[in-house]
C-alpha atoms as a PDB file:
ATOM      1  CA  MET A   1      -5.291 -26.331  -4.873  1.00  0.00           C
ATOM      2  CA  ASN A   2      -7.080 -25.343  -8.092  1.00  0.00           C
ATOM      3  CA  VAL A   3      -7.278 -21.745  -9.304  1.00  0.00           C
ATOM      4  CA  LYS A   4     -10.975 -21.295  -8.496  1.00  0.00           C
ATOM      5  CA  HIS A   5     -10.495 -22.378  -4.892  1.00  0.00           C
ATOM      6  CA  LYS A   6      -7.411 -20.246  -4.424  1.00  0.00           C
ATOM      7  CA  CYS A   7      -9.136 -17.117  -5.770  1.00  0.00           C
ATOM      8  CA  SER A   8     -12.158 -17.614  -3.531  1.00  0.00           C
ATOM      9  CA  ARG A   9      -9.816 -17.849  -0.542  1.00  0.00           C
ATOM     10  CA  TRP A  10      -8.441 -14.376  -1.305  1.00  0.00           C
ATOM     11  CA  MET A  11     -11.946 -12.987  -1.897  1.00  0.00           C
ATOM     12  CA  ILE A  12     -13.291 -14.212   1.462  1.00  0.00           C
ATOM     13  CA  PHE A  13     -10.147 -13.099   3.227  1.00  0.00           C
ATOM     14  CA  CYS A  14     -10.370  -9.612   1.757  1.00  0.00           C
ATOM     15  CA  PHE A  15     -14.044  -8.830   2.123  1.00  0.00           C
ATOM     16  CA  LEU A  16     -14.898 -10.112   5.605  1.00  0.00           C
ATOM     17  CA  ILE A  17     -12.256  -8.685   7.892  1.00  0.00           C
ATOM     18  CA  THR A  18     -13.016  -4.971   7.844  1.00  0.00           C
ATOM     19  CA  LEU A  19     -14.115  -2.006   9.889  1.00  0.00           C
ATOM     20  CA  PRO A  20     -15.366   1.521   9.147  1.00  0.00           C
ATOM     21  CA  VAL A  21     -12.724   4.226   8.829  1.00  0.00           C
ATOM     22  CA  GLN A  22     -12.605   7.683   7.316  1.00  0.00           C
ATOM     23  CA  SER A  23     -12.366   8.041   3.545  1.00  0.00           C
ATOM     24  CA  THR A  24      -8.878   8.822   2.260  1.00  0.00           C
ATOM     25  CA  THR A  25      -9.818  10.130  -1.190  1.00  0.00           C
ATOM     26  CA  SER A  26      -9.364  13.785  -0.177  1.00  0.00           C
ATOM     27  CA  ILE A  27      -5.812  13.291   1.115  1.00  0.00           C
ATOM     28  CA  ARG A  28      -3.093  14.475  -1.266  1.00  0.00           C
ATOM     29  CA  VAL A  29      -0.410  11.883  -1.894  1.00  0.00           C
ATOM     30  CA  ILE A  30       2.389  14.508  -1.897  1.00  0.00           C
ATOM     31  CA  THR A  31       2.165  18.187  -0.969  1.00  0.00           C
ATOM     32  CA  GLN A  32       4.449  21.095  -1.831  1.00  0.00           C
ATOM     33  CA  LYS A  33       5.204  21.516   1.867  1.00  0.00           C
ATOM     34  CA  GLU A  34       6.500  17.926   1.996  1.00  0.00           C
ATOM     35  CA  ILE A  35       8.575  18.480  -1.137  1.00  0.00           C
ATOM     36  CA  ASP A  36      10.155  21.609   0.355  1.00  0.00           C
ATOM     37  CA  THR A  37      10.838  19.880   3.670  1.00  0.00           C
ATOM     38  CA  ALA A  38      12.368  16.857   1.932  1.00  0.00           C
ATOM     39  CA  GLY A  39      14.611  19.084  -0.145  1.00  0.00           C
ATOM     40  CA  ASN A  40      15.954  20.843   2.940  1.00  0.00           C
ATOM     41  CA  LYS A  41      16.334  17.652   4.972  1.00  0.00           C
ATOM     42  CA  TYR A  42      17.370  15.024   2.389  1.00  0.00           C
ATOM     43  CA  GLY A  43      18.559  16.956  -0.659  1.00  0.00           C
ATOM     44  CA  VAL A  44      17.650  17.528  -4.268  1.00  0.00           C
ATOM     45  CA  LEU A  45      17.267  13.832  -5.177  1.00  0.00           C
ATOM     46  CA  ALA A  46      14.446  13.481  -2.656  1.00  0.00           C
ATOM     47  CA  THR A  47      12.722  16.454  -4.259  1.00  0.00           C
ATOM     48  CA  ARG A  48      13.108  14.955  -7.722  1.00  0.00           C
ATOM     49  CA  ARG A  49      11.650  11.615  -6.626  1.00  0.00           C
ATOM     50  CA  MET A  50       8.559  13.336  -5.238  1.00  0.00           C
ATOM     51  CA  GLN A  51       8.141  15.515  -8.306  1.00  0.00           C
ATOM     52  CA  ALA A  52       8.494  12.420 -10.496  1.00  0.00           C
ATOM     53  CA  LEU A  53       5.594  10.818  -8.635  1.00  0.00           C
ATOM     54  CA  LEU A  54       3.398  13.877  -9.212  1.00  0.00           C
ATOM     55  CA  THR A  55       4.321  13.788 -12.904  1.00  0.00           C
ATOM     56  CA  LEU A  56       3.422  10.094 -13.081  1.00  0.00           C
ATOM     57  CA  ILE A  57      -0.003  10.864 -11.601  1.00  0.00           C
ATOM     58  CA  GLU A  58      -0.649  13.870 -13.839  1.00  0.00           C
ATOM     59  CA  GLU A  59       0.390  12.173 -17.076  1.00  0.00           C
ATOM     60  CA  ASN A  60      -1.391   8.838 -16.541  1.00  0.00           C
ATOM     61  CA  SER A  61      -4.636   9.540 -14.698  1.00  0.00           C
ATOM     62  CA  ARG A  62      -6.669   8.974 -17.881  1.00  0.00           C
ATOM     63  CA  ARG A  63      -5.014   5.661 -18.720  1.00  0.00           C
ATOM     64  CA  PRO A  64      -6.780   2.285 -18.272  1.00  0.00           C
ATOM     65  CA  GLU A  65      -6.716   1.067 -14.678  1.00  0.00           C
ATOM     66  CA  ARG A  66      -4.716  -2.056 -15.442  1.00  0.00           C
ATOM     67  CA  LEU A  67      -1.987   0.129 -16.937  1.00  0.00           C
ATOM     68  CA  LYS A  68      -2.095   2.451 -13.923  1.00  0.00           C
ATOM     69  CA  VAL A  69      -1.503  -0.532 -11.651  1.00  0.00           C
ATOM     70  CA  ASN A  70       1.568  -1.552 -13.635  1.00  0.00           C
ATOM     71  CA  LEU A  71       2.957   1.980 -13.866  1.00  0.00           C
ATOM     72  CA  VAL A  72       2.616   2.613 -10.142  1.00  0.00           C
ATOM     73  CA  ASN A  73       4.143  -0.743  -9.268  1.00  0.00           C
ATOM     74  CA  ASP A  74       7.063  -0.074 -11.641  1.00  0.00           C
ATOM     75  CA  PHE A  75       7.644   3.386 -10.170  1.00  0.00           C
ATOM     76  CA  PHE A  76       7.999   2.160  -6.600  1.00  0.00           C
ATOM     77  CA  SER A  77      10.042  -0.902  -7.555  1.00  0.00           C
ATOM     78  CA  LYS A  78      12.977   1.503  -7.920  1.00  0.00           C
ATOM     79  CA  VAL A  79      12.877   2.277  -4.183  1.00  0.00           C
ATOM     80  CA  THR A  80      15.148   0.193  -1.946  1.00  0.00           C
ATOM     81  CA  TYR A  81      13.502  -2.385   0.325  1.00  0.00           C
ATOM     82  CA  MET A  82      14.781  -2.041   3.885  1.00  0.00           C
ATOM     83  CA  GLU A  83      13.412  -2.929   7.320  1.00  0.00           C
ATOM     84  CA  ASP A  84      12.091  -0.222   9.665  1.00  0.00           C
ATOM     85  CA  SER A  85      14.815  -0.865  12.229  1.00  0.00           C
ATOM     86  CA  ARG A  86      17.433   0.274   9.718  1.00  0.00           C
ATOM     87  CA  VAL A  87      15.434   3.111   8.150  1.00  0.00           C
ATOM     88  CA  TRP A  88      13.666   4.580  11.185  1.00  0.00           C
ATOM     89  CA  GLY A  89      15.315   2.890  14.165  1.00  0.00           C
ATOM     90  CA  ALA A  90      11.920   1.451  15.152  1.00  0.00           C
ATOM     91  CA  THR A  91      10.404  -2.014  15.202  1.00  0.00           C
ATOM     92  CA  ASP A  92       7.350  -0.880  13.248  1.00  0.00           C
ATOM     93  CA  PHE A  93       6.782   2.435  11.464  1.00  0.00           C
ATOM     94  CA  TRP A  94       4.340   3.094   8.631  1.00  0.00           C
ATOM     95  CA  ALA A  95       5.787   5.782   6.373  1.00  0.00           C
ATOM     96  CA  THR A  96       3.768   8.170   4.243  1.00  0.00           C
ATOM     97  CA  PRO A  97       4.485   8.188   0.489  1.00  0.00           C
ATOM     98  CA  ALA A  98       6.492  11.387   1.005  1.00  0.00           C
ATOM     99  CA  GLU A  99       8.565   9.797   3.763  1.00  0.00           C
ATOM    100  CA  LEU A 100       9.223   6.705   1.656  1.00  0.00           C
ATOM    101  CA  LEU A 101      10.456   8.780  -1.291  1.00  0.00           C
ATOM    102  CA  ALA A 102      12.420  11.183   0.911  1.00  0.00           C
ATOM    103  CA  LYS A 103      14.386   8.295   2.410  1.00  0.00           C
ATOM    104  CA  ASP A 104      14.271   6.232  -0.812  1.00  0.00           C
ATOM    105  CA  LYS A 105      13.948   3.211   1.501  1.00  0.00           C
ATOM    106  CA  GLY A 106      11.082   1.363   3.113  1.00  0.00           C
ATOM    107  CA  ASP A 107       9.527  -1.955   4.056  1.00  0.00           C
ATOM    108  CA  ALA A 108       6.452  -3.833   2.836  1.00  0.00           C
ATOM    109  CA  GLU A 109       3.859  -1.630   4.554  1.00  0.00           C
ATOM    110  CA  ASP A 110       5.477   1.534   3.187  1.00  0.00           C
ATOM    111  CA  PHE A 111       5.369   0.229  -0.381  1.00  0.00           C
ATOM    112  CA  ALA A 112       1.731  -0.862  -0.080  1.00  0.00           C
ATOM    113  CA  ILE A 113       0.701   2.505   1.386  1.00  0.00           C
ATOM    114  CA  ALA A 114       2.500   4.497  -1.310  1.00  0.00           C
ATOM    115  CA  LYS A 115       0.964   2.433  -4.110  1.00  0.00           C
ATOM    116  CA  TYR A 116      -2.473   2.713  -2.517  1.00  0.00           C
ATOM    117  CA  PHE A 117      -2.489   6.513  -2.273  1.00  0.00           C
ATOM    118  CA  THR A 118      -0.928   6.931  -5.718  1.00  0.00           C
ATOM    119  CA  LEU A 119      -3.582   4.775  -7.377  1.00  0.00           C
ATOM    120  CA  ILE A 120      -6.328   6.716  -5.604  1.00  0.00           C
ATOM    121  CA  ALA A 121      -4.742   9.978  -6.812  1.00  0.00           C
ATOM    122  CA  MET A 122      -4.880   8.540 -10.349  1.00  0.00           C
ATOM    123  CA  GLY A 123      -8.615   7.933 -10.025  1.00  0.00           C
ATOM    124  CA  VAL A 124      -8.827   4.295  -8.916  1.00  0.00           C
ATOM    125  CA  ASP A 125     -11.765   3.717  -6.560  1.00  0.00           C
ATOM    126  CA  GLU A 126     -10.400   2.898  -3.096  1.00  0.00           C
ATOM    127  CA  LYS A 127     -13.068   0.201  -2.745  1.00  0.00           C
ATOM    128  CA  LYS A 128     -10.971  -1.806  -5.215  1.00  0.00           C
ATOM    129  CA  LEU A 129      -7.828  -1.671  -3.083  1.00  0.00           C
ATOM    130  CA  TYR A 130      -7.032  -3.788  -0.019  1.00  0.00           C
ATOM    131  CA  PHE A 131      -4.049  -3.983   2.291  1.00  0.00           C
ATOM    132  CA  SER A 132      -3.423  -7.694   2.688  1.00  0.00           C
ATOM    133  CA  TYR A 133      -1.319  -9.253   5.396  1.00  0.00           C
ATOM    134  CA  VAL A 134       0.105 -12.587   4.304  1.00  0.00           C
ATOM    135  CA  THR A 135       2.696 -15.135   5.261  1.00  0.00           C
ATOM    136  CA  ALA A 136       5.380 -15.062   2.582  1.00  0.00           C
ATOM    137  CA  THR A 137       6.645 -18.631   2.515  1.00  0.00           C
ATOM    138  CA  ARG A 138       9.810 -17.831   0.591  1.00  0.00           C
ATOM    139  CA  ILE A 139      11.072 -15.446   3.273  1.00  0.00           C
ATOM    140  CA  LYS A 140       9.224 -17.307   6.065  1.00  0.00           C
ATOM    141  CA  ARG A 141       7.621 -14.312   7.769  1.00  0.00           C
ATOM    142  CA  SER A 142       4.591 -12.014   7.806  1.00  0.00           C
ATOM    143  CA  HIS A 143       4.409  -9.566   4.947  1.00  0.00           C
ATOM    144  CA  MET A 144       2.066  -6.950   3.475  1.00  0.00           C
ATOM    145  CA  VAL A 145       0.943  -6.557  -0.137  1.00  0.00           C
ATOM    146  CA  LEU A 146      -1.596  -4.348  -1.884  1.00  0.00           C
ATOM    147  CA  THR A 147      -4.373  -6.178  -3.744  1.00  0.00           C
ATOM    148  CA  TYR A 148      -6.421  -4.680  -6.579  1.00  0.00           C
ATOM    149  CA  PHE A 149      -9.865  -5.957  -7.579  1.00  0.00           C
ATOM    150  CA  ARG A 150     -11.171  -4.812 -10.967  1.00  0.00           C
ATOM    151  CA  SER A 151     -14.640  -5.850  -9.752  1.00  0.00           C
ATOM    152  CA  PRO A 152     -15.914  -7.489  -6.535  1.00  0.00           C
ATOM    153  CA  SER A 153     -16.002 -10.887  -8.260  1.00  0.00           C
ATOM    154  CA  SER A 154     -12.707 -10.645 -10.147  1.00  0.00           C
ATOM    155  CA  GLU A 155      -9.468 -12.340  -9.207  1.00  0.00           C
ATOM    156  CA  PRO A 156      -7.237  -9.847  -7.389  1.00  0.00           C
ATOM    157  CA  LEU A 157      -3.917  -8.610  -8.666  1.00  0.00           C
ATOM    158  CA  VAL A 158      -1.093  -8.562  -6.127  1.00  0.00           C
ATOM    159  CA  LEU A 159       1.302  -5.608  -5.917  1.00  0.00           C
ATOM    160  CA  ASP A 160       4.228  -6.863  -3.870  1.00  0.00           C
ATOM    161  CA  SER A 161       7.499  -5.219  -2.833  1.00  0.00           C
ATOM    162  CA  LEU A 162       9.259  -8.596  -3.103  1.00  0.00           C
ATOM    163  CA  THR A 163       8.838  -8.630  -6.885  1.00  0.00           C
ATOM    164  CA  ASP A 164       8.437  -6.008  -9.612  1.00  0.00           C
ATOM    165  CA  ARG A 165       5.810  -8.169 -11.371  1.00  0.00           C
ATOM    166  CA  VAL A 166       2.080  -7.616 -10.864  1.00  0.00           C
ATOM    167  CA  LEU A 167       0.580 -11.104 -10.716  1.00  0.00           C
ATOM    168  CA  LYS A 168      -2.852 -12.610 -10.155  1.00  0.00           C
ATOM    169  CA  ALA A 169      -3.458 -14.140  -6.739  1.00  0.00           C
ATOM    170  CA  SER A 170      -3.631 -17.604  -8.302  1.00  0.00           C
ATOM    171  CA  ALA A 171       0.000 -17.181  -9.391  1.00  0.00           C
ATOM    172  CA  ARG A 172       1.170 -16.355  -5.857  1.00  0.00           C
ATOM    173  CA  SER A 173       1.201 -19.753  -4.186  1.00  0.00           C
ATOM    174  CA  ASP A 174       4.006 -18.402  -1.973  1.00  0.00           C
ATOM    175  CA  LEU A 175       1.575 -16.059  -0.171  1.00  0.00           C
ATOM    176  CA  ILE A 176      -0.792 -17.354   2.513  1.00  0.00           C
ATOM    177  CA  PRO A 177      -3.539 -14.820   3.461  1.00  0.00           C
ATOM    178  CA  ILE A 178      -3.812 -13.815   7.121  1.00  0.00           C
ATOM    179  CA  TYR A 179      -6.135 -10.779   7.085  1.00  0.00           C
ATOM    180  CA  SER A 180      -6.899  -7.629   5.089  1.00  0.00           C
ATOM    181  CA  PHE A 181      -8.406  -4.208   5.566  1.00  0.00           C
ATOM    182  CA  ASN A 182      -9.706  -1.529   3.248  1.00  0.00           C
ATOM    183  CA  ALA A 183      -9.885   2.174   3.992  1.00  0.00           C
ATOM    184  CA  LYS A 184     -13.446   2.801   2.770  1.00  0.00           C
ATOM    185  CA  ASP A 185     -16.974   1.430   3.128  1.00  0.00           C
ATOM    186  CA  LEU A 186     -15.833  -1.296   5.488  1.00  0.00           C
ATOM    187  CA  ARG A 187     -18.019  -3.243   7.861  1.00  0.00           C
ATOM    188  CA  ASP A 188     -17.340  -4.431  11.375  1.00  0.00           C
ATOM    189  CA  SER A 189     -16.474  -8.076  11.959  1.00  0.00           C
ATOM    190  CA  SER A 190     -16.137 -10.063  15.158  1.00  0.00           C
ATOM    191  CA  GLN A 191     -13.082 -11.685  13.568  1.00  0.00           C
ATOM    192  CA  ILE A 192     -11.055  -8.482  13.824  1.00  0.00           C
ATOM    193  CA  SER A 193     -10.312  -8.594  17.528  1.00  0.00           C
ATOM    194  CA  SER A 194      -8.958 -12.125  17.218  1.00  0.00           C
ATOM    195  CA  LYS A 195      -6.460 -11.197  14.516  1.00  0.00           C
ATOM    196  CA  GLU A 196      -3.023 -10.774  16.010  1.00  0.00           C
ATOM    197  CA  GLY A 197      -1.553  -7.384  15.220  1.00  0.00           C
ATOM    198  CA  PHE A 198      -4.713  -5.810  13.801  1.00  0.00           C
ATOM    199  CA  GLY A 199      -4.977  -3.209  16.557  1.00  0.00           C
ATOM    200  CA  SER A 200      -1.359  -2.230  16.052  1.00  0.00           C
ATOM    201  CA  SER A 201      -1.936  -1.955  12.304  1.00  0.00           C
ATOM    202  CA  MET A 202      -4.857   0.439  12.747  1.00  0.00           C
ATOM    203  CA  HIS A 203      -2.831   2.534  15.212  1.00  0.00           C
ATOM    204  CA  GLN A 204       0.018   2.834  12.717  1.00  0.00           C
ATOM    205  CA  TRP A 205      -2.491   3.605   9.929  1.00  0.00           C
ATOM    206  CA  GLY A 206      -4.072   6.413  11.962  1.00  0.00           C
ATOM    207  CA  GLN A 207      -0.743   8.026  12.783  1.00  0.00           C
ATOM    208  CA  MET A 208       0.390   7.813   9.157  1.00  0.00           C
ATOM    209  CA  VAL A 209      -2.851   9.362   7.816  1.00  0.00           C
ATOM    210  CA  ASN A 210      -2.620  12.208  10.342  1.00  0.00           C
ATOM    211  CA  ARG A 211       0.908  13.046   9.172  1.00  0.00           C
ATOM    212  CA  MET A 212      -0.322  13.092   5.575  1.00  0.00           C
ATOM    213  CA  LYS A 213      -3.212  15.416   6.453  1.00  0.00           C
ATOM    214  CA  GLN A 214      -0.816  17.802   8.180  1.00  0.00           C
ATOM    215  CA  SER A 215       1.950  17.426   5.558  1.00  0.00           C
ATOM    216  CA  ILE A 216       4.362  16.364   8.290  1.00  0.00           C
ATOM    217  CA  LEU A 217       7.568  14.696   7.167  1.00  0.00           C
ATOM    218  CA  LYS A 218       9.340  12.716   9.885  1.00  0.00           C
END
């Protein structure tokens, strides 16, 4: 498959399968209440991780977007990848950025969510960011990544918890797109209802966003 064809596959996959949801730009990625709760529940290292994220946002919000993408990806690459069953004792749980840093463990969805909200906090337009479900051929299972589009016609960059490198979609032949969703300015599609797991994803997304709005730390 040539590069042009592969990129167009990601573009179609990302921009068709969507639905309208509430904007997330007003949601704070980490609150002082979450920091205090994490300190009491998980200790001083959890507090330091959260404060480090706020420092990253404050010190780099005026940097070029491509650099922001790399910095955010590098920051979260230090967190341990671990399945929900081991971290939360649940088959599927979407953690908030605060919950991910408090535990210092999380799975693919948790990494994608944390990177998404951090980039928004640094000024990246959420219309450029998509949660992308894929089949990861190397681990032979479904997987989530965050994709960043500099412009609607540009080749997306893939932020993936399986690697600390931010690569263009054309360089990720190991990822097969399944479906994506974006959290802003999304349009309904008849394809949504036929996508296995989409309803569950939106349920998990809604619960996670509500905890962020209320500064609840599980």
